[in-house]
PDB file of all heavy atoms in Angstrom:
ATOM      1  N   SER A   1     -24.862  17.263   6.259  1.00  0.00           N
ATOM      2  CA  SER A   1     -24.270  18.354   5.490  1.00  0.00           C
ATOM      3  C   SER A   1     -22.875  17.930   5.046  1.00  0.00           C
ATOM      4  O   SER A   1     -22.326  16.930   5.518  1.00  0.00           O
ATOM      5  CB  SER A   1     -24.186  19.619   6.339  1.00  0.00           C
ATOM      6  OG  SER A   1     -23.265  19.444   7.408  1.00  0.00           O
ATOM      7  N   LEU A   2     -22.269  18.685   4.143  1.00  0.00           N
ATOM      8  CA  LEU A   2     -20.932  18.371   3.662  1.00  0.00           C
ATOM      9  C   LEU A   2     -19.924  18.396   4.803  1.00  0.00           C
ATOM     10  O   LEU A   2     -19.028  17.542   4.886  1.00  0.00           O
ATOM     11  CB  LEU A   2     -20.515  19.363   2.570  1.00  0.00           C
ATOM     12  CG  LEU A   2     -19.114  19.164   1.981  1.00  0.00           C
ATOM     13  CD1 LEU A   2     -18.987  17.774   1.354  1.00  0.00           C
ATOM     14  CD2 LEU A   2     -18.802  20.251   0.955  1.00  0.00           C
ATOM     15  N   ALA A   3     -20.068  19.378   5.695  1.00  0.00           N
ATOM     16  CA  ALA A   3     -19.147  19.481   6.832  1.00  0.00           C
ATOM     17  C   ALA A   3     -19.282  18.269   7.750  1.00  0.00           C
ATOM     18  O   ALA A   3     -18.274  17.731   8.246  1.00  0.00           O
ATOM     19  CB  ALA A   3     -19.426  20.767   7.609  1.00  0.00           C
ATOM     20  N   GLU A   4     -20.507  17.806   7.966  1.00  0.00           N
ATOM     21  CA  GLU A   4     -20.727  16.643   8.827  1.00  0.00           C
ATOM     22  C   GLU A   4     -20.186  15.368   8.184  1.00  0.00           C
ATOM     23  O   GLU A   4     -19.610  14.518   8.866  1.00  0.00           O
ATOM     24  CB  GLU A   4     -22.216  16.499   9.128  1.00  0.00           C
ATOM     25  CG  GLU A   4     -22.759  17.590  10.051  1.00  0.00           C
ATOM     26  CD  GLU A   4     -24.272  17.566  10.155  1.00  0.00           C
ATOM     27  OE1 GLU A   4     -24.938  17.109   9.198  1.00  0.00           O
ATOM     28  OE2 GLU A   4     -24.796  18.017  11.195  1.00  0.00           O
ATOM     29  N   GLN A   5     -20.359  15.241   6.871  1.00  0.00           N
ATOM     30  CA  GLN A   5     -19.805  14.084   6.177  1.00  0.00           C
ATOM     31  C   GLN A   5     -18.281  14.058   6.288  1.00  0.00           C
ATOM     32  O   GLN A   5     -17.677  13.015   6.563  1.00  0.00           O
ATOM     33  CB  GLN A   5     -20.220  14.113   4.706  1.00  0.00           C
ATOM     34  CG  GLN A   5     -21.705  13.919   4.474  1.00  0.00           C
ATOM     35  CD  GLN A   5     -22.045  13.906   2.995  1.00  0.00           C
ATOM     36  OE1 GLN A   5     -21.316  13.328   2.190  1.00  0.00           O
ATOM     37  NE2 GLN A   5     -23.151  14.544   2.625  1.00  0.00           N
ATOM     38  N   THR A   6     -17.668  15.216   6.085  1.00  0.00           N
ATOM     39  CA  THR A   6     -16.209  15.314   6.182  1.00  0.00           C
ATOM     40  C   THR A   6     -15.731  14.971   7.584  1.00  0.00           C
ATOM     41  O   THR A   6     -14.729  14.260   7.763  1.00  0.00           O
ATOM     42  CB  THR A   6     -15.751  16.734   5.804  1.00  0.00           C
ATOM     43  OG1 THR A   6     -16.225  17.058   4.489  1.00  0.00           O
ATOM     44  CG2 THR A   6     -14.234  16.842   5.841  1.00  0.00           C
ATOM     45  N   MET A   7     -16.455  15.471   8.572  1.00  0.00           N
ATOM     46  CA  MET A   7     -16.082  15.217   9.962  1.00  0.00           C
ATOM     47  C   MET A   7     -16.175  13.726  10.298  1.00  0.00           C
ATOM     48  O   MET A   7     -15.254  13.155  10.912  1.00  0.00           O
ATOM     49  CB  MET A   7     -17.011  16.013  10.889  1.00  0.00           C
ATOM     50  CG  MET A   7     -16.757  15.799  12.376  1.00  0.00           C
ATOM     51  SD  MET A   7     -17.805  16.865  13.390  1.00  0.00           S
ATOM     52  CE  MET A   7     -19.437  16.295  12.897  1.00  0.00           C
ATOM     53  N   ILE A   8     -17.254  13.073   9.872  1.00  0.00           N
ATOM     54  CA  ILE A   8     -17.454  11.654  10.178  1.00  0.00           C
ATOM     55  C   ILE A   8     -16.413  10.792   9.482  1.00  0.00           C
ATOM     56  O   ILE A   8     -15.762   9.934  10.101  1.00  0.00           O
ATOM     57  CB  ILE A   8     -18.877  11.216   9.779  1.00  0.00           C
ATOM     58  CG1 ILE A   8     -19.908  11.886  10.686  1.00  0.00           C
ATOM     59  CG2 ILE A   8     -19.011   9.698   9.844  1.00  0.00           C
ATOM     60  CD1 ILE A   8     -21.351  11.630  10.269  1.00  0.00           C
ATOM     61  N   LEU A   9     -16.238  11.027   8.178  1.00  0.00           N
ATOM     62  CA  LEU A   9     -15.278  10.222   7.424  1.00  0.00           C
ATOM     63  C   LEU A   9     -13.838  10.487   7.876  1.00  0.00           C
ATOM     64  O   LEU A   9     -13.005   9.575   7.908  1.00  0.00           O
ATOM     65  CB  LEU A   9     -15.435  10.492   5.929  1.00  0.00           C
ATOM     66  CG  LEU A   9     -16.780  10.073   5.321  1.00  0.00           C
ATOM     67  CD1 LEU A   9     -16.868  10.497   3.861  1.00  0.00           C
ATOM     68  CD2 LEU A   9     -16.993   8.576   5.462  1.00  0.00           C
ATOM     69  N   GLY A  10     -13.557  11.729   8.238  1.00  0.00           N
ATOM     70  CA  GLY A  10     -12.223  12.052   8.750  1.00  0.00           C
ATOM     71  C   GLY A  10     -11.950  11.357  10.071  1.00  0.00           C
ATOM     72  O   GLY A  10     -10.863  10.821  10.299  1.00  0.00           O
ATOM     73  N   ALA A  11     -12.966  11.345  10.955  1.00  0.00           N
ATOM     74  CA  ALA A  11     -12.813  10.671  12.251  1.00  0.00           C
ATOM     75  C   ALA A  11     -12.601   9.172  12.067  1.00  0.00           C
ATOM     76  O   ALA A  11     -11.747   8.569  12.734  1.00  0.00           O
ATOM     77  CB  ALA A  11     -14.045  10.936  13.114  1.00  0.00           C
ATOM     78  N   ALA A  12     -13.358   8.586  11.138  1.00  0.00           N
ATOM     79  CA  ALA A  12     -13.218   7.147  10.882  1.00  0.00           C
ATOM     80  C   ALA A  12     -11.841   6.827  10.319  1.00  0.00           C
ATOM     81  O   ALA A  12     -11.214   5.826  10.702  1.00  0.00           O
ATOM     82  CB  ALA A  12     -14.312   6.682   9.930  1.00  0.00           C
ATOM     83  N   ALA A  13     -11.351   7.670   9.410  1.00  0.00           N
ATOM     84  CA  ALA A  13     -10.035   7.444   8.811  1.00  0.00           C
ATOM     85  C   ALA A  13      -8.927   7.582   9.853  1.00  0.00           C
ATOM     86  O   ALA A  13      -8.001   6.754   9.911  1.00  0.00           O
ATOM     87  CB  ALA A  13      -9.811   8.414   7.655  1.00  0.00           C
ATOM     88  N   VAL A  14      -9.013   8.615  10.677  1.00  0.00           N
ATOM     89  CA  VAL A  14      -7.993   8.825  11.715  1.00  0.00           C
ATOM     90  C   VAL A  14      -8.000   7.664  12.706  1.00  0.00           C
ATOM     91  O   VAL A  14      -6.944   7.130  13.079  1.00  0.00           O
ATOM     92  CB  VAL A  14      -8.225  10.157  12.437  1.00  0.00           C
ATOM     93  CG1 VAL A  14      -7.344  10.252  13.678  1.00  0.00           C
ATOM     94  CG2 VAL A  14      -7.941  11.332  11.509  1.00  0.00           C
ATOM     95  N   GLY A  15      -9.198   7.251  13.149  1.00  0.00           N
ATOM     96  CA  GLY A  15      -9.290   6.150  14.102  1.00  0.00           C
ATOM     97  C   GLY A  15      -8.758   4.849  13.535  1.00  0.00           C
ATOM     98  O   GLY A  15      -7.981   4.140  14.200  1.00  0.00           O
ATOM     99  N   ALA A  16      -9.152   4.528  12.297  1.00  0.00           N
ATOM    100  CA  ALA A  16      -8.718   3.273  11.685  1.00  0.00           C
ATOM    101  C   ALA A  16      -7.219   3.270  11.421  1.00  0.00           C
ATOM    102  O   ALA A  16      -6.537   2.268  11.670  1.00  0.00           O
ATOM    103  CB  ALA A  16      -9.493   3.032  10.391  1.00  0.00           C
ATOM    104  N   LEU A  17      -6.686   4.391  10.930  1.00  0.00           N
ATOM    105  CA  LEU A  17      -5.254   4.453  10.630  1.00  0.00           C
ATOM    106  C   LEU A  17      -4.410   4.493  11.907  1.00  0.00           C
ATOM    107  O   LEU A  17      -3.284   3.976  11.933  1.00  0.00           O
ATOM    108  CB  LEU A  17      -4.947   5.669   9.751  1.00  0.00           C
ATOM    109  CG  LEU A  17      -5.438   5.559   8.306  1.00  0.00           C
ATOM    110  CD1 LEU A  17      -5.238   6.885   7.569  1.00  0.00           C
ATOM    111  CD2 LEU A  17      -4.724   4.432   7.570  1.00  0.00           C
ATOM    112  N   ALA A  18      -4.946   5.113  12.952  1.00  0.00           N
ATOM    113  CA  ALA A  18      -4.225   5.106  14.237  1.00  0.00           C
ATOM    114  C   ALA A  18      -4.066   3.677  14.741  1.00  0.00           C
ATOM    115  O   ALA A  18      -3.005   3.287  15.246  1.00  0.00           O
ATOM    116  CB  ALA A  18      -4.970   5.961  15.260  1.00  0.00           C
ATOM    117  N   TYR A  19      -5.121   2.878  14.581  1.00  0.00           N
ATOM    118  CA  TYR A  19      -5.043   1.477  14.999  1.00  0.00           C
ATOM    119  C   TYR A  19      -4.149   0.675  14.057  1.00  0.00           C
ATOM    120  O   TYR A  19      -3.468  -0.258  14.490  1.00  0.00           O
ATOM    121  CB  TYR A  19      -6.451   0.885  15.037  1.00  0.00           C
ATOM    122  CG  TYR A  19      -6.527  -0.431  15.779  1.00  0.00           C
ATOM    123  CD1 TYR A  19      -6.006  -0.560  17.063  1.00  0.00           C
ATOM    124  CD2 TYR A  19      -7.131  -1.546  15.205  1.00  0.00           C
ATOM    125  CE1 TYR A  19      -6.073  -1.753  17.749  1.00  0.00           C
ATOM    126  CE2 TYR A  19      -7.208  -2.747  15.888  1.00  0.00           C
ATOM    127  CZ  TYR A  19      -6.681  -2.849  17.154  1.00  0.00           C
ATOM    128  OH  TYR A  19      -6.738  -4.039  17.836  1.00  0.00           O
ATOM    129  N   THR A  20      -4.146   1.047  12.782  1.00  0.00           N
ATOM    130  CA  THR A  20      -3.291   0.374  11.801  1.00  0.00           C
ATOM    131  C   THR A  20      -1.834   0.389  12.239  1.00  0.00           C
ATOM    132  O   THR A  20      -1.125  -0.623  12.151  1.00  0.00           O
ATOM    133  CB  THR A  20      -3.409   1.055  10.421  1.00  0.00           C
ATOM    134  OG1 THR A  20      -4.758   0.968   9.954  1.00  0.00           O
ATOM    135  CG2 THR A  20      -2.480   0.398   9.407  1.00  0.00           C
ATOM    136  N   PHE A  21      -1.384   1.548  12.715  1.00  0.00           N
ATOM    137  CA  PHE A  21       0.030   1.716  13.051  1.00  0.00           C
ATOM    138  C   PHE A  21       0.298   1.600  14.554  1.00  0.00           C
ATOM    139  O   PHE A  21       1.387   1.951  15.005  1.00  0.00           O
ATOM    140  CB  PHE A  21       0.526   3.063  12.525  1.00  0.00           C
ATOM    141  CG  PHE A  21       0.477   3.162  11.024  1.00  0.00           C
ATOM    142  CD1 PHE A  21      -0.537   3.852  10.391  1.00  0.00           C
ATOM    143  CD2 PHE A  21       1.440   2.540  10.243  1.00  0.00           C
ATOM    144  CE1 PHE A  21      -0.594   3.941   9.005  1.00  0.00           C
ATOM    145  CE2 PHE A  21       1.396   2.619   8.857  1.00  0.00           C
ATOM    146  CZ  PHE A  21       0.372   3.319   8.231  1.00  0.00           C
ATOM    147  N   SER A  22      -0.678   1.103  15.306  1.00  0.00           N
ATOM    148  CA  SER A  22      -0.444   0.891  16.734  1.00  0.00           C
ATOM    149  C   SER A  22       0.517  -0.277  16.924  1.00  0.00           C
ATOM    150  O   SER A  22       0.543  -1.230  16.134  1.00  0.00           O
ATOM    151  CB  SER A  22      -1.761   0.632  17.471  1.00  0.00           C
ATOM    152  OG  SER A  22      -2.391  -0.536  16.989  1.00  0.00           O
ATOM    153  N   ASP A  23       1.287  -0.229  17.980  1.00  0.00           N
ATOM    154  CA  ASP A  23       2.401  -1.152  18.174  1.00  0.00           C
ATOM    155  C   ASP A  23       1.957  -2.619  18.231  1.00  0.00           C
ATOM    156  O   ASP A  23       2.409  -3.454  17.449  1.00  0.00           O
ATOM    157  CB  ASP A  23       3.145  -0.770  19.460  1.00  0.00           C
ATOM    158  CG  ASP A  23       4.407  -1.590  19.662  1.00  0.00           C
ATOM    159  OD1 ASP A  23       5.367  -1.378  18.909  1.00  0.00           O
ATOM    160  OD2 ASP A  23       4.412  -2.441  20.554  1.00  0.00           O
ATOM    161  N   SER A  24       1.065  -2.951  19.152  1.00  0.00           N
ATOM    162  CA  SER A  24       0.676  -4.344  19.362  1.00  0.00           C
ATOM    163  C   SER A  24      -0.034  -4.929  18.148  1.00  0.00           C
ATOM    164  O   SER A  24       0.227  -6.068  17.743  1.00  0.00           O
ATOM    165  CB  SER A  24      -0.232  -4.464  20.596  1.00  0.00           C
ATOM    166  OG  SER A  24       0.468  -4.097  21.755  1.00  0.00           O
ATOM    167  N   PHE A  25      -0.937  -4.143  17.536  1.00  0.00           N
ATOM    168  CA  PHE A  25      -1.688  -4.662  16.403  1.00  0.00           C
ATOM    169  C   PHE A  25      -0.786  -4.889  15.194  1.00  0.00           C
ATOM    170  O   PHE A  25      -0.930  -5.891  14.477  1.00  0.00           O
ATOM    171  CB  PHE A  25      -2.825  -3.692  16.044  1.00  0.00           C
ATOM    172  CG  PHE A  25      -3.779  -4.253  15.027  1.00  0.00           C
ATOM    173  CD1 PHE A  25      -4.702  -5.223  15.385  1.00  0.00           C
ATOM    174  CD2 PHE A  25      -3.749  -3.822  13.707  1.00  0.00           C
ATOM    175  CE1 PHE A  25      -5.573  -5.762  14.450  1.00  0.00           C
ATOM    176  CE2 PHE A  25      -4.615  -4.355  12.764  1.00  0.00           C
ATOM    177  CZ  PHE A  25      -5.524  -5.325  13.140  1.00  0.00           C
ATOM    178  N   TRP A  26       0.140  -3.970  14.969  1.00  0.00           N
ATOM    179  CA  TRP A  26       1.075  -4.120  13.848  1.00  0.00           C
ATOM    180  C   TRP A  26       1.935  -5.370  14.028  1.00  0.00           C
ATOM    181  O   TRP A  26       2.200  -6.117  13.080  1.00  0.00           O
ATOM    182  CB  TRP A  26       1.942  -2.865  13.733  1.00  0.00           C
ATOM    183  CG  TRP A  26       2.680  -2.715  12.431  1.00  0.00           C
ATOM    184  CD1 TRP A  26       2.864  -3.666  11.463  1.00  0.00           C
ATOM    185  CD2 TRP A  26       3.344  -1.532  11.953  1.00  0.00           C
ATOM    186  NE1 TRP A  26       3.602  -3.167  10.419  1.00  0.00           N
ATOM    187  CE2 TRP A  26       3.912  -1.856  10.687  1.00  0.00           C
ATOM    188  CE3 TRP A  26       3.517  -0.251  12.466  1.00  0.00           C
ATOM    189  CZ2 TRP A  26       4.638  -0.932   9.941  1.00  0.00           C
ATOM    190  CZ3 TRP A  26       4.238   0.682  11.725  1.00  0.00           C
ATOM    191  CH2 TRP A  26       4.783   0.344  10.475  1.00  0.00           C
ATOM    192  N   PHE A  27       2.359  -5.614  15.271  1.00  0.00           N
ATOM    193  CA  PHE A  27       3.172  -6.797  15.531  1.00  0.00           C
ATOM    194  C   PHE A  27       2.411  -8.070  15.171  1.00  0.00           C
ATOM    195  O   PHE A  27       2.959  -8.974  14.530  1.00  0.00           O
ATOM    196  CB  PHE A  27       3.588  -6.846  17.007  1.00  0.00           C
ATOM    197  CG  PHE A  27       4.994  -6.379  17.253  1.00  0.00           C
ATOM    198  CD1 PHE A  27       5.273  -5.036  17.426  1.00  0.00           C
ATOM    199  CD2 PHE A  27       6.037  -7.291  17.295  1.00  0.00           C
ATOM    200  CE1 PHE A  27       6.576  -4.593  17.642  1.00  0.00           C
ATOM    201  CE2 PHE A  27       7.339  -6.865  17.515  1.00  0.00           C
ATOM    202  CZ  PHE A  27       7.609  -5.511  17.684  1.00  0.00           C
ATOM    203  N   SER A  28       1.150  -8.180  15.578  1.00  0.00           N
ATOM    204  CA  SER A  28       0.378  -9.396  15.306  1.00  0.00           C
ATOM    205  C   SER A  28      -0.005  -9.511  13.837  1.00  0.00           C
ATOM    206  O   SER A  28      -0.323 -10.605  13.355  1.00  0.00           O
ATOM    207  CB  SER A  28      -0.887  -9.416  16.177  1.00  0.00           C
ATOM    208  OG  SER A  28      -1.795  -8.404  15.783  1.00  0.00           O
ATOM    209  N   ALA A  29       0.023  -8.387  13.115  1.00  0.00           N
ATOM    210  CA  ALA A  29      -0.386  -8.379  11.711  1.00  0.00           C
ATOM    211  C   ALA A  29       0.675  -8.938  10.771  1.00  0.00           C
ATOM    212  O   ALA A  29       0.378  -9.228   9.618  1.00  0.00           O
ATOM    213  CB  ALA A  29      -0.738  -6.954  11.282  1.00  0.00           C
ATOM    214  N   VAL A  30       1.893  -9.093  11.240  1.00  0.00           N
ATOM    215  CA  VAL A  30       2.982  -9.467  10.331  1.00  0.00           C
ATOM    216  C   VAL A  30       3.561 -10.837  10.645  1.00  0.00           C
ATOM    217  O   VAL A  30       4.616 -11.198  10.125  1.00  0.00           O
ATOM    218  CB  VAL A  30       4.107  -8.405  10.361  1.00  0.00           C
ATOM    219  CG1 VAL A  30       3.596  -7.073   9.856  1.00  0.00           C
ATOM    220  CG2 VAL A  30       4.687  -8.257  11.771  1.00  0.00           C
ATOM    221  N   GLU A  31       2.879 -11.627  11.486  1.00  0.00           N
ATOM    222  CA  GLU A  31       3.403 -12.947  11.835  1.00  0.00           C
ATOM    223  C   GLU A  31       2.278 -13.977  11.886  1.00  0.00           C
ATOM    224  O   GLU A  31       1.099 -13.627  11.988  1.00  0.00           O
ATOM    225  CB  GLU A  31       4.131 -12.890  13.184  1.00  0.00           C
ATOM    226  CG  GLU A  31       3.251 -12.466  14.349  1.00  0.00           C
ATOM    227  CD  GLU A  31       4.026 -12.344  15.651  1.00  0.00           C
ATOM    228  OE1 GLU A  31       5.269 -12.336  15.595  1.00  0.00           O
ATOM    229  OE2 GLU A  31       3.379 -12.268  16.700  1.00  0.00           O
ATOM    230  N   GLY A  32       2.649 -15.250  11.808  1.00  0.00           N
ATOM    231  CA  GLY A  32       1.667 -16.333  11.739  1.00  0.00           C
ATOM    232  C   GLY A  32       1.150 -16.750  13.095  1.00  0.00           C
ATOM    233  O   GLY A  32       1.425 -17.862  13.573  1.00  0.00           O
ATOM    234  N   GLU A  33       0.398 -15.867  13.735  1.00  0.00           N
ATOM    235  CA  GLU A  33      -0.238 -16.155  15.021  1.00  0.00           C
ATOM    236  C   GLU A  33      -1.753 -16.001  14.884  1.00  0.00           C
ATOM    237  O   GLU A  33      -2.250 -15.491  13.879  1.00  0.00           O
ATOM    238  CB  GLU A  33       0.301 -15.216  16.107  1.00  0.00           C
ATOM    239  CG  GLU A  33       1.141 -15.919  17.176  1.00  0.00           C
ATOM    240  CD  GLU A  33       0.299 -16.680  18.187  1.00  0.00           C
ATOM    241  OE1 GLU A  33      -0.923 -16.781  18.003  1.00  0.00           O
ATOM    242  OE2 GLU A  33       0.881 -17.173  19.173  1.00  0.00           O
ATOM    243  N   VAL A  34      -2.484 -16.423  15.929  1.00  0.00           N
ATOM    244  CA  VAL A  34      -3.948 -16.449  15.854  1.00  0.00           C
ATOM    245  C   VAL A  34      -4.592 -15.079  16.059  1.00  0.00           C
ATOM    246  O   VAL A  34      -5.765 -14.890  15.731  1.00  0.00           O
ATOM    247  CB  VAL A  34      -4.532 -17.431  16.895  1.00  0.00           C
ATOM    248  CG1 VAL A  34      -4.087 -18.843  16.605  1.00  0.00           C
ATOM    249  CG2 VAL A  34      -4.132 -17.009  18.319  1.00  0.00           C
ATOM    250  N   TYR A  35      -3.867 -14.110  16.575  1.00  0.00           N
ATOM    251  CA  TYR A  35      -4.484 -12.857  17.007  1.00  0.00           C
ATOM    252  C   TYR A  35      -4.992 -12.002  15.854  1.00  0.00           C
ATOM    253  O   TYR A  35      -5.997 -11.308  15.979  1.00  0.00           O
ATOM    254  CB  TYR A  35      -3.502 -12.070  17.881  1.00  0.00           C
ATOM    255  CG  TYR A  35      -3.054 -12.855  19.082  1.00  0.00           C
ATOM    256  CD1 TYR A  35      -1.738 -13.284  19.204  1.00  0.00           C
ATOM    257  CD2 TYR A  35      -3.963 -13.204  20.079  1.00  0.00           C
ATOM    258  CE1 TYR A  35      -1.334 -14.041  20.298  1.00  0.00           C
ATOM    259  CE2 TYR A  35      -3.567 -13.953  21.172  1.00  0.00           C
ATOM    260  CZ  TYR A  35      -2.249 -14.369  21.281  1.00  0.00           C
ATOM    261  OH  TYR A  35      -1.868 -15.126  22.359  1.00  0.00           O
TER     262      TYR A  35
END
């Protein structure tokens, strides 16, 4: 249903963006390391 689609896509966006701005991952994303 439309509500279920919104819920799934919203959860995926929140989860992915939360990891985007997480401290450790952001640090490794901006420097020339293997991680």
